Amino acid sequence: MLYFPQLASGTSGQLPLVRREFRRVIRTEQIDGREWKSLDGWAGEISWLLRYRGLTQNECAELEALFHVVEGRRGEFVFLDPGDNLLVWSEDLSKDVWTRDPFLELTSGIEDPLGGTAAAKLTNRSQAAQKIDQALAVPSWFQHCLSGWVRSDTGAEVTLFGRCGSAGHARTVRAESRWKRASLPVKLGGTEEIVRFGLEVGAGQSIEVFGLQVEAQAGASNYKRTRSRSGIYRDARFDQDTLEIVAEAPHCFGCTVTVVASL
């Protein structure tokens, strides 16, 4: 699989970047002159305008290599939105995309730190650690960050983890009576293209969680709620047939790239 490269900083874009969504609207004109407009949920496009400055020679080489392999607009690659959550159903841990161990009970509708009731309680009734996770089709050698809010009246511990077949990173945090956001940078190396991100609750422990998020960068940014769509785009293309790279200084380059994908 081809992937849009990450920079040495661990992200695919530099700020400021421009992200646009285009939707098709269906207009129906009635005989009496009235108009009905509705959004076509099956047609749409998203684009990213990425302006790069201060690129190294290696970063330019990776970008050029992908551009030549896909032949400009012609070929597709996977693009990880640098400004979105890569998980789906971030506030509904009961969905099938989440894999939950059999003795980990889930209670939804808990008051969350943003004033709603979208948090969940995870209760481990067994004598061994139990986990919940989601598998993402992302490269294990990329930089990612898992984050989420945790809370516990009993000071329970919860482990955040990112794992693939050959490696794993984990961090255990003690939850407090107030909501606290925890994060875990994950860069596993290897060649796997599936990484599992999730939480592990110790034996007999109970924890409240909210706003799980995975981003293709080194640190956590503002939380983005997701439903059935995430920031992983598997049919992305360049929206240009030429790639102009400008030398800004010795071993320092700049360029502008536009990436598009279907919604």
Foldseek 3Di string as FASTA:
>chain_A
DAEQDAAPQQFNADPPKDKDKFWDKDWDADPVGDIDIDTDPQFIKMKMKGWDWFGFPVNVVSNVVVCVVCQAQRRFAKYFPQPWFQDAQQLDCPDPQKDWDPQWDKDFQCQDPVGGRSKIKTFGADQFKIKIKGKGQAWLQGKKKKKWKKADPVQFKKKKKKDDDPDIDIDIDTHYHDIDMDMDIGRTDDGHRMMITIMMGGHRDMMMIHQIGMGSGGDDDDGDHHHRDTRIAGGKGWPDNDWDWADPDVRIIITITMMMGID
